[in-house]
Every structure is written in structure tokens, then in C-alpha cells.
């Protein structure tokens, strides 16, 4: 999901509460704080020698012991609006940072409305080889003795 699609979903129902469904099924607490809106740029070289750039928009969520705190769709739109110039483009893919208990980054896949809440669905990220044709040649099969 892009930051633009996220913002459109928030704007469609500004009076709704805001929650996130973790890839394992549970919902984040209703009393989340939206503590950051960021543009994240990562420049890297993969194991095959190709230089790459990965750019995304990222929201950081934090749950405090302040259980009366609520960030609904309207408030989230305000926070995102404050970060619009910094993020630069609403076409960027959106990610969410959240402690589980370690800081973890999730892609945002979509959203649903359940009762009085807009729930955004978080996916899982996995490491992968970016240059499998270089790192694991097709001729090299496990057990063949070449690896």
C-alpha cells in the first residue's frame, strides 16, 4: 500500500478509530501513539555487485501506559500532513515500525473497516538474496559438491 492509498483510506472515514492487524493475527492496542512519519532511503550493494536504492514512507507506532490515548483516522491524517514535505511523495510504499518486543518493520498491505475502526493489515518482511543468479548459479545444486 502506498502512503497515498493509506491517506485515502483514513480520509474515507475520518471519525473511525485506527488499529493495525499484525501478520500473526492480533490487533495493536487502541491506545497507540503515532510517533513518527519518515522517508527512509537505503542505498546498498547486493552480493552480485549491483548498487540499489530502496525508498519508502514509514510510520512508527508506540504503545504507552497512557491507555486513554487514541489516534483515530482524522488525527493520523493530521500527523501525516505534517510530514508530507519531508516524505516528498505519496506514491512511496508504506511501512510501519512497531515493537514486538523488538522494533520490527511491516509492509502495509491494505485495510478493512470493522465496526467503528479502520484496521490496516500488516504483512511480514523476509530477507532474500537480490542476486540469486550470481550467488547460487543454476548449475550448482545442493548436494552436487560445487557449493
N, C-alpha and C. Protein backbone atom coordinates (compact mmCIF):
# COMPACT_ATOMS: atom_id res chain seq x y z
N UNK A 1 0.85 -1.17 0.00
CA UNK A 1 0.00 0.00 0.00
C UNK A 1 0.90 1.23 0.00
N UNK A 2 0.52 2.22 -0.77
CA UNK A 2 1.27 3.47 -0.80
C UNK A 2 0.78 4.41 0.30
N UNK A 3 1.57 5.45 0.54
CA UNK A 3 1.16 6.46 1.51
C UNK A 3 -0.12 7.14 1.03
N UNK A 4 -0.26 7.34 -0.29
CA UNK A 4 -1.48 7.95 -0.84
C UNK A 4 -2.70 7.08 -0.56
N UNK A 5 -2.61 5.79 -0.79
CA UNK A 5 -3.74 4.87 -0.54
C UNK A 5 -4.08 4.83 0.95
N UNK A 6 -3.06 4.86 1.80
CA UNK A 6 -3.27 4.89 3.25
C UNK A 6 -4.04 6.15 3.63
N UNK A 7 -3.60 7.29 3.12
CA UNK A 7 -4.25 8.57 3.43
C UNK A 7 -5.68 8.59 2.91
N UNK A 8 -5.93 8.04 1.73
CA UNK A 8 -7.29 7.98 1.18
C UNK A 8 -8.20 7.12 2.06
N UNK A 9 -7.67 6.01 2.57
CA UNK A 9 -8.46 5.15 3.45
C UNK A 9 -8.79 5.88 4.75
N UNK A 10 -7.83 6.63 5.29
CA UNK A 10 -8.09 7.41 6.51
C UNK A 10 -9.16 8.47 6.24
N UNK A 11 -9.03 9.17 5.11
CA UNK A 11 -9.95 10.26 4.78
C UNK A 11 -11.37 9.76 4.48
N UNK A 12 -11.50 8.51 4.04
CA UNK A 12 -12.81 7.96 3.71
C UNK A 12 -13.70 7.85 4.94
N UNK A 13 -13.10 7.66 6.11
CA UNK A 13 -13.86 7.52 7.36
C UNK A 13 -13.09 8.20 8.49
N UNK A 14 -13.01 9.53 8.49
CA UNK A 14 -12.17 10.22 9.48
C UNK A 14 -12.61 10.05 10.93
N UNK A 15 -13.85 9.66 11.16
CA UNK A 15 -14.32 9.51 12.55
C UNK A 15 -13.98 8.15 13.16
N UNK A 16 -13.44 7.24 12.35
CA UNK A 16 -13.14 5.90 12.87
C UNK A 16 -11.86 5.87 13.70
N UNK A 17 -11.81 4.89 14.60
CA UNK A 17 -10.58 4.62 15.33
C UNK A 17 -9.57 3.97 14.39
N UNK A 18 -8.33 3.93 14.79
CA UNK A 18 -7.25 3.41 13.96
C UNK A 18 -6.54 2.27 14.67
N UNK A 19 -6.46 1.13 13.99
CA UNK A 19 -5.75 -0.05 14.52
C UNK A 19 -4.96 -0.69 13.41
N UNK A 20 -4.07 -1.59 13.79
CA UNK A 20 -3.26 -2.35 12.84
C UNK A 20 -3.33 -3.82 13.22
N UNK A 21 -3.53 -4.68 12.22
CA UNK A 21 -3.55 -6.13 12.46
C UNK A 21 -2.18 -6.68 12.10
N UNK A 22 -1.54 -7.31 13.07
CA UNK A 22 -0.22 -7.90 12.88
C UNK A 22 -0.32 -9.12 11.97
N UNK A 23 0.77 -9.49 11.31
CA UNK A 23 0.73 -10.66 10.42
C UNK A 23 0.32 -11.95 11.13
N UNK A 24 0.52 -12.01 12.44
CA UNK A 24 0.16 -13.19 13.22
C UNK A 24 -1.30 -13.17 13.68
N UNK A 25 -2.03 -12.08 13.39
CA UNK A 25 -3.45 -12.03 13.70
C UNK A 25 -3.91 -11.01 14.71
N UNK A 26 -3.20 -10.81 15.83
CA UNK A 26 -3.70 -9.87 16.83
C UNK A 26 -3.69 -8.42 16.34
N UNK A 27 -4.52 -7.61 16.98
CA UNK A 27 -4.55 -6.18 16.71
C UNK A 27 -3.62 -5.44 17.65
N UNK A 28 -3.08 -4.33 17.17
CA UNK A 28 -2.31 -3.45 18.05
C UNK A 28 -3.27 -2.82 19.05
N UNK A 29 -2.77 -2.34 20.18
CA UNK A 29 -3.65 -1.69 21.16
C UNK A 29 -4.32 -0.45 20.56
N UNK A 30 -5.50 -0.14 21.05
CA UNK A 30 -6.24 1.03 20.58
C UNK A 30 -5.55 2.33 21.02
N UNK A 31 -4.72 2.26 22.06
CA UNK A 31 -4.10 3.47 22.61
C UNK A 31 -2.69 3.72 22.04
N UNK A 32 -2.52 3.43 20.76
CA UNK A 32 -1.22 3.68 20.12
C UNK A 32 -0.97 5.16 19.92
N UNK A 33 0.29 5.50 19.96
CA UNK A 33 0.75 6.83 19.57
C UNK A 33 1.38 6.68 18.18
N UNK A 34 1.13 7.60 17.30
CA UNK A 34 1.80 7.67 16.00
C UNK A 34 2.94 8.66 16.20
N UNK A 35 4.15 8.13 16.44
CA UNK A 35 5.25 8.97 16.91
C UNK A 35 6.15 9.51 15.80
N UNK A 36 6.13 8.92 14.62
CA UNK A 36 6.99 9.39 13.53
C UNK A 36 6.33 9.18 12.18
N UNK A 37 6.61 10.10 11.27
CA UNK A 37 6.35 9.93 9.85
C UNK A 37 7.70 10.19 9.20
N UNK A 38 8.18 9.24 8.41
CA UNK A 38 9.54 9.36 7.88
C UNK A 38 9.63 8.94 6.42
N UNK A 39 10.64 9.45 5.77
CA UNK A 39 11.07 8.97 4.47
C UNK A 39 12.35 8.19 4.76
N UNK A 40 12.38 6.93 4.35
CA UNK A 40 13.53 6.07 4.62
C UNK A 40 14.17 5.72 3.29
N UNK A 41 15.45 6.06 3.16
CA UNK A 41 16.20 5.75 1.94
C UNK A 41 17.37 4.85 2.31
N UNK A 42 17.47 3.76 1.60
CA UNK A 42 18.53 2.78 1.86
C UNK A 42 19.30 2.58 0.56
N UNK A 43 20.58 2.89 0.58
CA UNK A 43 21.44 2.63 -0.59
C UNK A 43 22.31 1.44 -0.22
N UNK A 44 22.36 0.47 -1.11
CA UNK A 44 23.07 -0.76 -0.80
C UNK A 44 23.73 -1.33 -2.05
N UNK A 45 24.63 -2.22 -1.82
CA UNK A 45 25.19 -3.01 -2.91
C UNK A 45 24.87 -4.46 -2.59
N UNK A 46 24.28 -5.16 -3.54
CA UNK A 46 23.92 -6.54 -3.26
C UNK A 46 25.12 -7.46 -3.47
N UNK A 47 24.95 -8.71 -3.16
CA UNK A 47 26.05 -9.67 -3.22
C UNK A 47 26.55 -9.90 -4.64
N UNK A 48 25.78 -9.47 -5.64
CA UNK A 48 26.20 -9.58 -7.03
C UNK A 48 26.90 -8.34 -7.54
N UNK A 49 26.98 -7.29 -6.71
CA UNK A 49 27.68 -6.07 -7.08
C UNK A 49 26.79 -4.97 -7.64
N UNK A 50 25.48 -5.15 -7.65
CA UNK A 50 24.57 -4.13 -8.16
C UNK A 50 24.24 -3.14 -7.05
N UNK A 51 24.40 -1.84 -7.35
CA UNK A 51 24.03 -0.80 -6.39
C UNK A 51 22.53 -0.57 -6.53
N UNK A 52 21.85 -0.53 -5.41
CA UNK A 52 20.40 -0.36 -5.39
C UNK A 52 20.00 0.72 -4.40
N UNK A 53 18.81 1.27 -4.61
CA UNK A 53 18.21 2.23 -3.69
C UNK A 53 16.80 1.77 -3.37
N UNK A 54 16.48 1.75 -2.12
CA UNK A 54 15.14 1.38 -1.66
C UNK A 54 14.59 2.58 -0.89
N UNK A 55 13.44 3.11 -1.29
CA UNK A 55 12.84 4.28 -0.66
C UNK A 55 11.42 3.94 -0.24
N UNK A 56 11.07 4.31 0.99
CA UNK A 56 9.71 4.06 1.48
C UNK A 56 9.30 5.16 2.44
N UNK A 57 8.00 5.24 2.71
CA UNK A 57 7.46 6.07 3.78
C UNK A 57 7.26 5.14 4.97
N UNK A 58 7.52 5.65 6.16
CA UNK A 58 7.41 4.79 7.34
C UNK A 58 6.74 5.53 8.48
N UNK A 59 5.84 4.83 9.14
CA UNK A 59 5.20 5.33 10.34
C UNK A 59 5.73 4.54 11.53
N UNK A 60 5.98 5.21 12.64
CA UNK A 60 6.37 4.50 13.84
C UNK A 60 5.22 4.55 14.83
N UNK A 61 4.87 3.38 15.35
CA UNK A 61 3.81 3.25 16.34
C UNK A 61 4.43 2.92 17.69
N UNK A 62 3.82 3.43 18.74
CA UNK A 62 4.33 3.18 20.09
C UNK A 62 3.16 3.10 21.05
N UNK A 63 3.14 2.07 21.87
CA UNK A 63 2.10 1.92 22.88
C UNK A 63 2.67 2.27 24.24
N UNK A 64 2.02 3.19 24.90
CA UNK A 64 2.45 3.64 26.22
C UNK A 64 1.51 3.07 27.27
N UNK A 65 1.73 3.45 28.52
CA UNK A 65 0.80 3.05 29.57
C UNK A 65 -0.37 4.04 29.65
N UNK A 66 -0.38 5.04 28.75
CA UNK A 66 -1.47 6.01 28.63
C UNK A 66 -2.61 5.37 27.84
N UNK A 67 -3.44 4.58 28.51
CA UNK A 67 -4.47 3.81 27.81
C UNK A 67 -5.66 4.66 27.38
N UNK A 68 -5.72 5.92 27.81
CA UNK A 68 -6.78 6.82 27.36
C UNK A 68 -6.44 7.48 26.02
N UNK A 69 -5.20 7.35 25.60
CA UNK A 69 -4.74 7.99 24.36
C UNK A 69 -5.36 7.28 23.15
N UNK A 70 -5.82 8.06 22.18
CA UNK A 70 -6.39 7.49 20.96
C UNK A 70 -5.95 8.32 19.76
N UNK A 71 -5.44 7.66 18.74
CA UNK A 71 -5.16 8.31 17.46
C UNK A 71 -6.12 7.69 16.46
N UNK A 72 -7.12 8.46 16.10
CA UNK A 72 -8.09 8.00 15.11
C UNK A 72 -7.63 8.37 13.71
N UNK A 73 -8.48 8.09 12.75
CA UNK A 73 -8.15 8.37 11.35
C UNK A 73 -7.89 9.85 11.10
N UNK A 74 -8.72 10.74 11.67
CA UNK A 74 -8.55 12.18 11.45
C UNK A 74 -7.22 12.67 12.01
N UNK A 75 -6.87 12.24 13.20
CA UNK A 75 -5.61 12.66 13.83
C UNK A 75 -4.41 12.11 13.03
N UNK A 76 -4.51 10.87 12.58
CA UNK A 76 -3.42 10.28 11.79
C UNK A 76 -3.20 11.08 10.50
N UNK A 77 -4.29 11.53 9.88
CA UNK A 77 -4.17 12.36 8.68
C UNK A 77 -3.44 13.66 8.98
N UNK A 78 -3.71 14.26 10.13
CA UNK A 78 -3.01 15.49 10.53
C UNK A 78 -1.52 15.25 10.69
N UNK A 79 -1.17 14.16 11.35
CA UNK A 79 0.25 13.84 11.57
C UNK A 79 0.95 13.59 10.23
N UNK A 80 0.31 12.83 9.36
CA UNK A 80 0.88 12.56 8.04
C UNK A 80 1.04 13.86 7.25
N UNK A 81 0.06 14.76 7.38
CA UNK A 81 0.14 16.05 6.70
C UNK A 81 1.36 16.86 7.15
N UNK A 82 1.70 16.78 8.43
CA UNK A 82 2.88 17.48 8.93
C UNK A 82 4.17 16.95 8.32
N UNK A 83 4.16 15.67 7.96
CA UNK A 83 5.37 15.06 7.40
C UNK A 83 5.39 15.01 5.88
N UNK A 84 4.36 15.56 5.23
CA UNK A 84 4.24 15.43 3.77
C UNK A 84 5.45 16.00 3.02
N UNK A 85 5.91 17.16 3.42
CA UNK A 85 7.05 17.78 2.72
C UNK A 85 8.31 16.95 2.92
N UNK A 86 8.51 16.43 4.10
CA UNK A 86 9.68 15.61 4.38
C UNK A 86 9.66 14.30 3.59
N UNK A 87 8.51 13.65 3.55
CA UNK A 87 8.38 12.37 2.83
C UNK A 87 8.53 12.60 1.33
N UNK A 88 7.96 13.69 0.83
CA UNK A 88 8.20 14.07 -0.56
C UNK A 88 7.25 13.48 -1.58
N UNK A 89 6.85 12.25 -1.44
CA UNK A 89 5.99 11.61 -2.42
C UNK A 89 5.00 10.69 -1.72
N UNK A 90 3.73 10.82 -2.09
CA UNK A 90 2.73 9.92 -1.53
C UNK A 90 2.67 8.60 -2.30
N UNK A 91 3.46 8.49 -3.38
CA UNK A 91 3.48 7.25 -4.16
C UNK A 91 4.41 6.20 -3.56
N UNK A 92 5.09 6.53 -2.48
CA UNK A 92 6.03 5.59 -1.85
C UNK A 92 5.28 4.46 -1.15
N UNK A 93 5.86 3.25 -1.16
CA UNK A 93 5.26 2.17 -0.38
C UNK A 93 5.34 2.51 1.11
N UNK A 94 4.32 2.10 1.85
CA UNK A 94 4.23 2.43 3.27
C UNK A 94 4.61 1.23 4.13
N UNK A 95 5.40 1.54 5.15
CA UNK A 95 5.80 0.54 6.16
C UNK A 95 5.45 1.08 7.54
N UNK A 96 5.35 0.18 8.50
CA UNK A 96 5.07 0.54 9.88
C UNK A 96 6.14 -0.09 10.76
N UNK A 97 6.69 0.70 11.69
CA UNK A 97 7.60 0.19 12.72
C UNK A 97 6.79 0.00 14.00
N UNK A 98 7.03 -1.13 14.66
CA UNK A 98 6.30 -1.41 15.90
C UNK A 98 7.12 -2.39 16.73
N UNK A 99 7.09 -2.25 18.05
CA UNK A 99 7.83 -3.15 18.95
C UNK A 99 7.07 -4.44 19.18
N UNK A 100 7.76 -5.58 18.98
CA UNK A 100 7.13 -6.89 19.21
C UNK A 100 8.02 -7.91 19.90
N UNK A 101 8.71 -7.83 20.88
CA UNK A 101 9.08 -6.67 21.67
C UNK A 101 10.26 -5.92 21.07
N UNK A 102 10.80 -6.39 19.95
CA UNK A 102 11.89 -5.69 19.28
C UNK A 102 11.31 -4.89 18.13
N UNK A 103 11.94 -3.77 17.81
CA UNK A 103 11.46 -2.93 16.73
C UNK A 103 11.44 -3.74 15.43
N UNK A 104 10.28 -3.84 14.83
CA UNK A 104 10.07 -4.64 13.63
C UNK A 104 9.39 -3.77 12.57
N UNK A 105 9.74 -3.99 11.31
CA UNK A 105 9.16 -3.22 10.21
C UNK A 105 8.23 -4.13 9.41
N UNK A 106 7.02 -3.62 9.16
CA UNK A 106 6.00 -4.37 8.44
C UNK A 106 5.53 -3.57 7.22
N UNK A 107 5.35 -4.21 6.08
CA UNK A 107 4.68 -3.53 4.98
C UNK A 107 3.18 -3.44 5.27
N UNK A 108 2.55 -2.37 4.81
CA UNK A 108 1.11 -2.22 4.96
C UNK A 108 0.47 -2.77 3.68
N UNK A 109 -0.40 -3.77 3.83
CA UNK A 109 -0.97 -4.47 2.68
C UNK A 109 -2.32 -3.94 2.22
N UNK A 110 -3.12 -3.45 3.15
CA UNK A 110 -4.47 -2.99 2.82
C UNK A 110 -5.20 -2.63 4.09
N UNK A 111 -6.52 -2.44 3.97
CA UNK A 111 -7.28 -2.10 5.17
C UNK A 111 -8.72 -2.59 5.05
N UNK A 112 -9.34 -2.71 6.21
CA UNK A 112 -10.76 -3.08 6.30
C UNK A 112 -11.39 -2.20 7.38
N UNK A 113 -12.70 -2.06 7.30
CA UNK A 113 -13.46 -1.39 8.37
C UNK A 113 -14.17 -2.47 9.15
N UNK A 114 -13.96 -2.48 10.45
CA UNK A 114 -14.64 -3.41 11.35
C UNK A 114 -15.26 -2.59 12.47
N UNK A 115 -16.57 -2.51 12.48
CA UNK A 115 -17.26 -1.71 13.49
C UNK A 115 -16.89 -0.25 13.36
N UNK A 116 -16.37 0.32 14.45
CA UNK A 116 -16.01 1.73 14.45
C UNK A 116 -14.51 1.95 14.29
N UNK A 117 -13.83 0.98 13.64
CA UNK A 117 -12.38 1.07 13.47
C UNK A 117 -11.95 0.79 12.04
N UNK A 118 -10.97 1.56 11.58
CA UNK A 118 -10.28 1.27 10.32
C UNK A 118 -9.05 0.46 10.74
N UNK A 119 -8.96 -0.76 10.21
CA UNK A 119 -7.86 -1.65 10.57
C UNK A 119 -6.98 -1.85 9.35
N UNK A 120 -5.71 -1.52 9.51
CA UNK A 120 -4.73 -1.71 8.43
C UNK A 120 -4.03 -3.04 8.64
N UNK A 121 -3.89 -3.77 7.55
CA UNK A 121 -3.34 -5.12 7.59
C UNK A 121 -1.84 -5.06 7.32
N UNK A 122 -1.07 -5.60 8.25
CA UNK A 122 0.38 -5.60 8.13
C UNK A 122 0.87 -6.95 7.62
N UNK A 123 1.85 -6.93 6.76
CA UNK A 123 2.44 -8.15 6.23
C UNK A 123 3.80 -8.40 6.88
N UNK A 124 4.41 -9.48 6.50
CA UNK A 124 5.73 -9.84 7.01
C UNK A 124 6.79 -9.54 5.97
N UNK A 125 7.95 -9.15 6.43
CA UNK A 125 9.10 -8.95 5.55
C UNK A 125 10.06 -10.11 5.78
N UNK A 126 10.71 -10.51 4.71
CA UNK A 126 11.67 -11.60 4.81
C UNK A 126 12.94 -11.22 4.06
N UNK A 127 14.06 -11.68 4.54
CA UNK A 127 15.33 -11.47 3.83
C UNK A 127 15.34 -12.37 2.60
N UNK A 128 15.99 -11.90 1.55
CA UNK A 128 16.10 -12.67 0.32
C UNK A 128 17.36 -12.26 -0.40
N UNK A 129 17.91 -13.15 -1.16
CA UNK A 129 19.07 -12.84 -1.99
C UNK A 129 18.60 -12.00 -3.17
N UNK A 130 19.26 -10.87 -3.42
CA UNK A 130 18.89 -9.99 -4.52
C UNK A 130 19.59 -10.36 -5.82
N UNK A 131 20.57 -11.24 -5.75
CA UNK A 131 21.31 -11.64 -6.96
C UNK A 131 21.47 -13.15 -7.00
N UNK A 132 20.36 -13.90 -7.02
CA UNK A 132 20.48 -15.36 -6.97
C UNK A 132 21.23 -15.94 -8.18
N UNK A 133 21.18 -15.26 -9.31
CA UNK A 133 21.90 -15.77 -10.49
C UNK A 133 23.40 -15.72 -10.29
N UNK A 134 23.89 -14.84 -9.41
CA UNK A 134 25.32 -14.74 -9.13
C UNK A 134 25.71 -15.58 -7.93
N UNK A 135 24.89 -15.52 -6.89
CA UNK A 135 25.23 -16.20 -5.64
C UNK A 135 24.97 -17.70 -5.69
N UNK A 136 23.93 -18.11 -6.37
CA UNK A 136 23.57 -19.52 -6.44
C UNK A 136 23.38 -19.87 -7.92
N UNK A 137 24.48 -20.14 -8.61
CA UNK A 137 24.35 -20.47 -10.03
C UNK A 137 23.43 -21.67 -10.24
N UNK A 138 22.72 -21.64 -11.34
CA UNK A 138 21.76 -22.72 -11.64
C UNK A 138 22.44 -24.09 -11.71
N UNK A 139 23.70 -24.12 -12.13
CA UNK A 139 24.42 -25.39 -12.24
C UNK A 139 24.79 -25.94 -10.87
N UNK A 140 24.78 -25.09 -9.86
CA UNK A 140 25.17 -25.52 -8.52
C UNK A 140 23.94 -25.92 -7.74
N UNK A 141 23.69 -27.19 -7.62
CA UNK A 141 22.54 -27.70 -6.88
C UNK A 141 23.02 -28.27 -5.54
N UNK A 142 22.21 -28.11 -4.51
CA UNK A 142 22.60 -28.68 -3.21
C UNK A 142 22.93 -30.18 -3.37
N UNK A 143 24.02 -30.56 -2.77
CA UNK A 143 24.45 -31.95 -2.82
C UNK A 143 25.32 -32.28 -4.02
N UNK A 144 25.52 -31.32 -4.95
CA UNK A 144 26.33 -31.61 -6.15
C UNK A 144 27.82 -31.50 -5.89
N UNK A 145 28.19 -30.93 -4.72
CA UNK A 145 29.60 -30.79 -4.39
C UNK A 145 30.23 -29.49 -4.86
N UNK A 146 29.51 -28.68 -5.65
CA UNK A 146 30.11 -27.43 -6.12
C UNK A 146 29.96 -26.30 -5.12
N UNK A 147 29.07 -26.42 -4.16
CA UNK A 147 28.84 -25.33 -3.19
C UNK A 147 29.46 -25.70 -1.84
